[in-house]
N, C-alpha and C. Protein backbone atom coordinates (compact mmCIF):
# COMPACT_ATOMS: atom_id res chain seq x y z
N UNK A 1 186.42 33.36 -29.54
CA UNK A 1 187.65 33.04 -29.69
C UNK A 1 188.31 32.23 -28.57
N UNK A 2 189.25 31.22 -29.00
CA UNK A 2 189.67 30.41 -27.94
C UNK A 2 190.84 30.85 -27.07
N UNK A 3 191.09 30.91 -25.91
CA UNK A 3 192.05 31.33 -25.09
C UNK A 3 193.40 30.62 -25.35
N UNK A 4 193.38 29.43 -25.87
CA UNK A 4 194.57 28.43 -26.27
C UNK A 4 195.26 29.04 -27.38
N UNK A 5 196.57 29.24 -27.39
CA UNK A 5 197.09 29.93 -28.61
C UNK A 5 198.11 28.71 -28.97
N UNK A 6 198.26 28.70 -30.19
CA UNK A 6 199.21 27.65 -30.84
C UNK A 6 200.64 28.24 -30.94
N UNK A 7 200.70 29.44 -30.44
CA UNK A 7 202.17 30.30 -30.86
C UNK A 7 203.33 29.72 -29.98
N UNK A 8 203.18 28.68 -29.17
CA UNK A 8 204.11 28.29 -28.14
C UNK A 8 205.18 27.53 -29.09
N UNK A 9 204.63 26.45 -30.32
CA UNK A 9 205.70 26.05 -30.99
C UNK A 9 205.01 25.52 -32.48
N UNK A 10 204.67 26.52 -33.24
CA UNK A 10 204.03 26.41 -34.41
C UNK A 10 204.80 25.49 -35.46
N UNK A 11 205.97 25.58 -35.16
CA UNK A 11 206.77 24.88 -36.02
C UNK A 11 206.81 23.16 -35.84
N UNK A 12 206.67 23.15 -34.72
CA UNK A 12 206.86 21.66 -34.19
C UNK A 12 205.30 21.10 -34.54
N UNK A 13 204.33 21.92 -34.45
CA UNK A 13 202.86 21.17 -34.78
C UNK A 13 202.82 21.12 -36.27
N UNK A 14 203.51 21.91 -37.27
CA UNK A 14 203.49 21.75 -38.52
C UNK A 14 204.40 20.48 -38.92
N UNK A 15 205.46 20.03 -38.07
CA UNK A 15 206.32 18.91 -38.39
C UNK A 15 205.64 17.79 -38.14
N UNK A 16 205.00 17.84 -36.86
CA UNK A 16 204.06 16.64 -36.64
C UNK A 16 202.85 16.39 -37.73
N UNK A 17 202.34 17.55 -38.20
CA UNK A 17 201.20 17.30 -39.26
C UNK A 17 201.90 16.83 -40.50
N UNK A 18 202.94 17.20 -40.77
CA UNK A 18 203.59 16.82 -42.22
C UNK A 18 204.04 15.35 -41.98
N UNK A 19 204.53 14.92 -41.07
CA UNK A 19 204.80 13.64 -40.67
C UNK A 19 203.73 12.71 -40.95
N UNK A 20 202.71 12.95 -40.18
CA UNK A 20 201.32 12.17 -40.37
C UNK A 20 200.89 12.08 -41.67
N UNK A 21 201.03 13.35 -42.50
CA UNK A 21 200.57 13.42 -44.04
C UNK A 21 201.51 12.60 -44.57
N UNK A 22 202.79 12.32 -44.41
CA UNK A 22 203.55 11.68 -45.08
C UNK A 22 203.44 10.22 -45.15
N UNK A 23 202.78 9.57 -44.12
CA UNK A 23 202.57 8.23 -43.91
C UNK A 23 201.85 7.53 -44.82
N UNK A 24 202.46 6.28 -45.38
CA UNK A 24 201.88 5.79 -46.58
C UNK A 24 200.42 5.48 -46.27
N UNK A 25 200.31 4.72 -44.97
CA UNK A 25 199.20 4.30 -44.77
C UNK A 25 198.79 4.29 -43.25
N UNK A 26 197.72 3.58 -42.93
CA UNK A 26 197.38 3.43 -41.44
C UNK A 26 198.16 2.10 -40.84
N UNK A 27 198.66 1.48 -42.05
CA UNK A 27 199.47 0.12 -41.62
C UNK A 27 200.70 0.56 -41.06
N UNK A 28 201.28 1.71 -41.51
CA UNK A 28 202.47 2.26 -40.81
C UNK A 28 202.33 2.42 -39.23
N UNK A 29 201.29 2.71 -38.94
CA UNK A 29 201.08 3.15 -37.57
C UNK A 29 200.62 1.84 -36.59
N UNK A 30 200.58 0.74 -37.29
CA UNK A 30 199.95 -0.46 -36.35
C UNK A 30 201.03 -0.75 -35.39
N UNK A 31 202.31 -0.98 -35.72
CA UNK A 31 203.24 -1.44 -34.88
C UNK A 31 203.27 -0.47 -33.57
N UNK A 32 203.41 0.80 -33.84
CA UNK A 32 203.24 1.55 -32.63
C UNK A 32 201.97 1.57 -31.81
N UNK A 33 200.95 1.43 -32.56
CA UNK A 33 199.60 1.38 -31.87
C UNK A 33 199.69 -0.07 -31.04
N UNK A 34 200.16 -1.09 -31.51
CA UNK A 34 199.98 -2.26 -30.70
C UNK A 34 201.17 -2.25 -29.81
N UNK A 35 202.26 -1.88 -29.73
CA UNK A 35 203.32 -1.56 -28.83
C UNK A 35 202.85 -0.65 -27.79
N UNK A 36 202.45 0.43 -28.02
CA UNK A 36 202.10 1.48 -26.96
C UNK A 36 200.84 0.97 -26.27
N UNK A 37 200.01 0.19 -26.98
CA UNK A 37 198.81 -0.37 -26.28
C UNK A 37 198.96 -1.40 -25.41
N UNK A 38 199.94 -2.41 -25.51
CA UNK A 38 200.43 -3.47 -24.91
C UNK A 38 201.22 -2.95 -23.57
N UNK A 39 202.06 -2.11 -23.72
CA UNK A 39 203.08 -1.62 -22.78
C UNK A 39 202.16 -0.90 -21.75
N UNK A 40 201.27 0.07 -22.01
CA UNK A 40 200.42 0.78 -21.33
C UNK A 40 199.43 -0.01 -20.48
N UNK A 41 198.92 -1.28 -21.20
CA UNK A 41 197.99 -2.07 -20.40
C UNK A 41 198.65 -2.92 -19.30
N UNK A 42 200.04 -3.34 -19.58
CA UNK A 42 200.84 -4.16 -18.45
C UNK A 42 201.09 -3.06 -17.26
N UNK A 43 201.48 -2.07 -17.84
CA UNK A 43 202.00 -1.07 -16.75
C UNK A 43 201.07 -0.56 -15.97
N UNK A 44 199.81 0.04 -16.49
CA UNK A 44 198.83 0.27 -15.62
C UNK A 44 198.13 -0.47 -14.73
N UNK A 45 198.34 -1.70 -15.17
CA UNK A 45 197.56 -2.99 -14.49
C UNK A 45 198.58 -3.02 -13.21
N UNK A 46 200.01 -3.15 -13.58
CA UNK A 46 200.78 -3.57 -12.53
C UNK A 46 200.81 -2.27 -11.54
N UNK A 47 200.68 -1.07 -11.92
CA UNK A 47 200.88 0.07 -11.09
C UNK A 47 199.58 0.30 -10.25
N UNK A 48 198.43 -0.19 -10.76
CA UNK A 48 197.04 -0.18 -10.10
C UNK A 48 197.04 -1.33 -8.98
N UNK A 49 197.70 -2.50 -9.35
CA UNK A 49 197.74 -3.47 -8.33
C UNK A 49 198.58 -3.28 -7.21
N UNK A 50 199.67 -2.62 -7.43
CA UNK A 50 200.56 -2.06 -6.41
C UNK A 50 199.98 -1.15 -5.66
N UNK A 51 199.25 -0.09 -6.11
CA UNK A 51 198.75 1.22 -5.22
C UNK A 51 197.61 0.73 -4.53
N UNK A 52 196.57 0.12 -5.09
CA UNK A 52 195.15 -0.14 -4.50
C UNK A 52 194.91 -1.70 -4.06
N UNK A 53 195.76 -2.85 -4.92
CA UNK A 53 195.53 -3.92 -4.49
C UNK A 53 194.38 -4.35 -5.37
N UNK A 54 193.87 -5.58 -5.18
CA UNK A 54 192.79 -6.35 -5.90
C UNK A 54 191.60 -5.75 -5.21
N UNK A 55 191.00 -4.59 -5.36
CA UNK A 55 189.98 -4.11 -4.66
C UNK A 55 188.55 -4.41 -5.54
N UNK A 56 187.24 -3.98 -5.15
CA UNK A 56 186.12 -4.15 -5.93
C UNK A 56 186.19 -3.40 -7.38
N UNK A 57 186.65 -2.15 -7.17
CA UNK A 57 186.69 -1.51 -8.41
C UNK A 57 187.70 -1.42 -9.18
N UNK A 58 188.62 -2.35 -8.91
CA UNK A 58 190.05 -2.52 -9.84
C UNK A 58 189.77 -2.55 -11.34
N UNK A 59 189.19 -3.09 -11.80
CA UNK A 59 189.13 -3.44 -13.17
C UNK A 59 188.65 -1.92 -13.88
N UNK A 60 187.71 -1.36 -13.12
CA UNK A 60 187.13 0.08 -14.01
C UNK A 60 188.10 1.07 -13.67
N UNK A 61 188.85 1.04 -12.50
CA UNK A 61 189.96 2.22 -12.26
C UNK A 61 190.93 1.62 -13.38
N UNK A 62 191.43 0.58 -13.50
CA UNK A 62 192.58 0.31 -14.47
C UNK A 62 192.30 0.61 -15.76
N UNK A 63 191.07 0.23 -16.21
CA UNK A 63 190.80 0.48 -17.50
C UNK A 63 190.53 1.98 -17.84
N UNK A 64 190.08 2.81 -16.82
CA UNK A 64 190.17 4.25 -16.96
C UNK A 64 191.50 4.81 -17.05
N UNK A 65 192.39 4.22 -16.24
CA UNK A 65 193.70 4.82 -16.30
C UNK A 65 194.43 4.54 -17.69
N UNK A 66 194.01 2.98 -18.02
CA UNK A 66 194.88 2.66 -19.45
C UNK A 66 194.21 3.61 -20.52
N UNK A 67 192.82 3.80 -20.70
CA UNK A 67 192.38 4.48 -21.81
C UNK A 67 192.76 5.90 -21.47
N UNK A 68 193.35 6.31 -20.52
CA UNK A 68 194.01 7.62 -20.56
C UNK A 68 195.34 7.59 -20.82
N UNK A 69 196.23 6.89 -20.59
CA UNK A 69 197.63 6.55 -20.85
C UNK A 69 197.90 6.31 -22.38
N UNK A 70 197.10 5.23 -22.88
CA UNK A 70 197.30 4.87 -24.28
C UNK A 70 197.05 5.91 -25.33
N UNK A 71 196.31 6.99 -25.00
CA UNK A 71 196.22 8.02 -26.20
C UNK A 71 197.46 9.02 -25.96
N UNK A 72 197.92 8.90 -25.03
CA UNK A 72 199.22 9.77 -24.81
C UNK A 72 200.54 8.96 -25.33
N UNK A 73 200.49 7.75 -24.86
CA UNK A 73 201.80 6.98 -25.37
C UNK A 73 201.89 6.62 -26.95
N UNK A 74 200.61 6.46 -27.64
CA UNK A 74 200.69 6.14 -29.12
C UNK A 74 201.51 7.35 -29.90
N UNK A 75 200.96 8.47 -29.84
CA UNK A 75 201.66 9.33 -30.63
C UNK A 75 203.37 9.52 -30.24
N UNK A 76 203.49 9.50 -29.07
CA UNK A 76 204.94 9.58 -28.52
C UNK A 76 205.56 8.37 -29.28
N UNK A 77 205.16 7.27 -29.10
CA UNK A 77 205.91 6.02 -29.77
C UNK A 77 205.91 6.47 -31.38
N UNK A 78 204.86 6.62 -31.95
CA UNK A 78 204.61 6.78 -33.33
C UNK A 78 205.91 7.71 -34.00
N UNK A 79 205.80 9.09 -33.12
CA UNK A 79 206.70 10.06 -33.56
C UNK A 79 208.29 9.97 -33.24
N UNK A 80 208.29 9.34 -32.14
CA UNK A 80 209.75 9.26 -31.54
C UNK A 80 210.40 7.84 -31.91
N UNK A 81 209.60 6.75 -32.28
CA UNK A 81 210.07 5.37 -32.49
C UNK A 81 211.20 5.28 -33.43
N UNK A 82 210.79 5.78 -34.78
CA UNK A 82 211.79 5.80 -35.81
C UNK A 82 213.17 6.46 -35.51
N UNK A 83 213.10 7.46 -34.90
CA UNK A 83 214.42 8.04 -34.52
C UNK A 83 215.20 7.40 -33.53
N UNK A 84 214.52 6.53 -32.62
CA UNK A 84 215.30 5.59 -31.31
C UNK A 84 215.72 4.65 -32.39
N UNK A 85 214.99 3.86 -33.27
CA UNK A 85 215.51 2.77 -33.88
C UNK A 85 216.66 3.28 -34.73
N UNK A 86 216.93 4.25 -35.37
CA UNK A 86 217.89 4.52 -36.14
C UNK A 86 219.10 5.00 -35.10
N UNK A 87 218.93 5.43 -34.10
CA UNK A 87 220.10 5.52 -33.01
C UNK A 87 220.62 4.03 -32.45
N UNK A 88 219.51 3.28 -32.34
CA UNK A 88 219.90 1.98 -31.71
C UNK A 88 220.64 1.11 -32.72
N UNK A 89 220.41 1.46 -34.19
CA UNK A 89 221.03 0.77 -35.04
C UNK A 89 222.52 1.39 -35.22
N UNK A 90 222.80 2.56 -34.85
CA UNK A 90 224.05 3.11 -34.80
C UNK A 90 224.98 2.70 -33.58
N UNK A 91 224.30 2.42 -32.71
CA UNK A 91 225.10 1.99 -31.44
C UNK A 91 225.92 0.97 -31.81
N UNK A 92 227.12 0.86 -31.14
CA UNK A 92 228.12 -0.32 -31.28
C UNK A 92 227.70 -1.22 -30.57
N UNK A 93 227.87 -2.42 -31.25
CA UNK A 93 227.46 -3.81 -30.63
C UNK A 93 228.65 -4.15 -29.65
N UNK A 94 228.08 -4.74 -28.56
CA UNK A 94 228.94 -5.02 -27.50
C UNK A 94 229.54 -6.44 -27.65
N UNK A 95 230.82 -6.65 -27.83
CA UNK A 95 231.41 -8.02 -28.12
C UNK A 95 231.23 -8.91 -26.85
N UNK A 96 230.48 -10.10 -27.09
CA UNK A 96 230.44 -11.03 -26.06
C UNK A 96 231.35 -12.22 -26.38
N UNK A 97 232.13 -12.47 -25.31
CA UNK A 97 232.94 -13.60 -25.82
C UNK A 97 232.35 -14.83 -25.81
N UNK A 98 232.64 -15.74 -26.79
CA UNK A 98 232.05 -17.00 -27.03
C UNK A 98 232.66 -17.92 -25.75
N UNK A 99 231.67 -18.87 -25.26
CA UNK A 99 231.99 -19.50 -24.31
C UNK A 99 232.99 -20.72 -24.67
N UNK A 100 233.86 -21.09 -23.93
CA UNK A 100 234.95 -22.20 -24.29
C UNK A 100 233.96 -23.48 -23.97
N UNK A 101 234.11 -24.37 -25.11
CA UNK A 101 233.29 -25.66 -25.01
C UNK A 101 234.18 -26.52 -24.60
N UNK A 102 233.80 -27.36 -23.40
CA UNK A 102 234.45 -28.45 -22.98
C UNK A 102 234.31 -29.60 -23.63
N UNK A 103 233.30 -29.86 -24.42
CA UNK A 103 233.31 -31.18 -25.13
C UNK A 103 233.08 -30.77 -26.59
N UNK A 104 234.25 -30.52 -27.32
CA UNK A 104 233.64 -30.15 -28.68
C UNK A 104 233.10 -31.09 -29.49
N UNK A 105 232.23 -30.55 -30.56
CA UNK A 105 231.49 -31.47 -31.47
C UNK A 105 232.28 -31.89 -32.47
N UNK A 106 231.89 -32.32 -33.53
CA UNK A 106 232.48 -32.72 -34.59
C UNK A 106 232.82 -31.60 -35.62
N UNK A 107 234.16 -31.58 -35.90
CA UNK A 107 234.57 -30.49 -36.97
C UNK A 107 234.44 -31.20 -38.28
N UNK A 108 234.75 -30.23 -39.39
CA UNK A 108 234.64 -30.79 -40.64
C UNK A 108 235.84 -31.76 -40.96
N UNK A 109 236.94 -31.45 -40.26
CA UNK A 109 238.02 -32.64 -40.52
C UNK A 109 237.66 -34.05 -40.01
N UNK A 110 236.91 -33.83 -38.72
CA UNK A 110 236.43 -35.33 -38.12
C UNK A 110 235.54 -35.92 -38.94
N UNK A 111 234.68 -35.19 -39.63
CA UNK A 111 233.80 -35.98 -40.57
C UNK A 111 234.46 -36.41 -41.82
N UNK A 112 235.27 -35.67 -42.39
CA UNK A 112 236.12 -35.88 -43.49
C UNK A 112 236.93 -37.23 -43.22
N UNK A 113 237.73 -37.27 -42.38
CA UNK A 113 238.40 -38.48 -41.97
C UNK A 113 237.44 -39.88 -41.67
N UNK A 114 236.58 -39.42 -40.88
CA UNK A 114 235.64 -40.61 -40.95
C UNK A 114 234.98 -41.30 -42.11
N UNK A 115 234.84 -40.25 -43.04
CA UNK A 115 234.25 -40.60 -44.30
C UNK A 115 235.29 -41.38 -44.97
N UNK A 116 236.57 -41.06 -45.17
CA UNK A 116 237.68 -41.61 -45.78
C UNK A 116 238.02 -42.87 -45.15
N UNK A 117 237.88 -43.10 -43.76
CA UNK A 117 237.94 -44.51 -43.25
C UNK A 117 236.98 -45.43 -43.68
N UNK A 118 235.68 -45.19 -43.58
CA UNK A 118 234.58 -45.76 -43.95
C UNK A 118 234.60 -46.28 -45.66
N UNK A 119 235.13 -45.48 -46.27
CA UNK A 119 235.20 -45.47 -47.79
C UNK A 119 236.23 -46.60 -48.12
N UNK A 120 237.52 -46.50 -47.56
CA UNK A 120 238.53 -47.41 -47.54
C UNK A 120 238.28 -48.70 -47.11
N UNK A 121 237.63 -48.77 -45.90
CA UNK A 121 237.28 -50.13 -45.28
C UNK A 121 236.46 -51.08 -46.18
N UNK A 122 235.54 -50.22 -46.96
CA UNK A 122 234.43 -50.96 -47.93
C UNK A 122 234.99 -50.95 -49.25
N UNK A 123 236.38 -50.60 -49.31
CA UNK A 123 237.00 -50.77 -51.03
C UNK A 123 236.24 -49.95 -51.61
N UNK A 124 235.80 -48.83 -51.56
CA UNK A 124 235.15 -47.89 -52.37
C UNK A 124 236.14 -46.81 -52.79
N UNK A 125 235.89 -46.01 -53.82
CA UNK A 125 236.68 -44.73 -54.23
C UNK A 125 235.63 -43.58 -53.84
N UNK A 126 236.37 -42.75 -53.07
CA UNK A 126 235.62 -41.52 -52.83
C UNK A 126 235.93 -40.53 -53.98
N UNK A 127 234.65 -40.09 -54.30
CA UNK A 127 234.45 -38.99 -55.46
C UNK A 127 234.52 -37.67 -54.74
N UNK A 128 235.68 -37.08 -54.56
CA UNK A 128 235.57 -35.77 -54.10
C UNK A 128 235.50 -34.67 -55.40
N UNK A 129 234.53 -33.71 -55.11
CA UNK A 129 234.26 -32.79 -56.20
C UNK A 129 233.13 -33.11 -57.01
N UNK A 130 233.18 -32.84 -58.48
CA UNK A 130 232.09 -33.23 -59.05
C UNK A 130 232.13 -34.62 -59.76
N UNK A 131 230.83 -35.34 -59.65
CA UNK A 131 230.78 -36.56 -60.30
C UNK A 131 230.75 -36.48 -61.71
N UNK A 132 231.38 -37.51 -62.24
CA UNK A 132 231.37 -37.63 -63.84
C UNK A 132 230.09 -37.92 -64.35
N UNK A 133 229.86 -37.07 -65.64
CA UNK A 133 228.61 -37.34 -66.24
C UNK A 133 228.27 -38.62 -66.77
N UNK A 134 227.31 -39.27 -66.61
CA UNK A 134 226.93 -40.60 -67.01
C UNK A 134 226.63 -40.43 -68.69
N UNK A 135 227.06 -41.45 -69.37
CA UNK A 135 226.73 -41.43 -70.90
C UNK A 135 225.76 -42.21 -71.07
N UNK A 136 224.50 -41.45 -71.51
CA UNK A 136 223.00 -42.13 -71.89
C UNK A 136 222.93 -42.23 -73.43
N UNK A 137 224.08 -42.05 -74.07
CA UNK A 137 223.94 -42.16 -75.52
C UNK A 137 223.41 -43.65 -75.98
N UNK A 138 223.84 -44.58 -75.09
CA UNK A 138 223.71 -45.99 -75.67
C UNK A 138 222.18 -46.40 -75.16
N UNK A 139 221.44 -45.65 -74.50
CA UNK A 139 220.08 -46.17 -74.11
C UNK A 139 219.19 -45.99 -75.23
């Protein structure tokens, strides 16, 4: 009989198991797998470089710590990620004031006025709105 008892949080383990079973496919795990793998890869590399520098056994020690950190980070990312995304979506957006433009570009009125001037200078009539339907009955 094992000395480890699962009586500490049986409800939590049941919730985790049911969440994983409800997953439609392994494709739903892919974003969490890639994100947790990339983040732990970078963080363990930076931390090992800070702690021990570029020593002779750097790559092996870094790979060992990464392979230890990733299996811990992936389930946390997979289980907590959707809740955090929902909370972030509910957070109010911070209003960022638009910068004042020193040299304004062309507005719709500028383009409209320029079009009218060119049309009048060339003796043409501007057709605003729908163009008339040509009569093809004589063809």
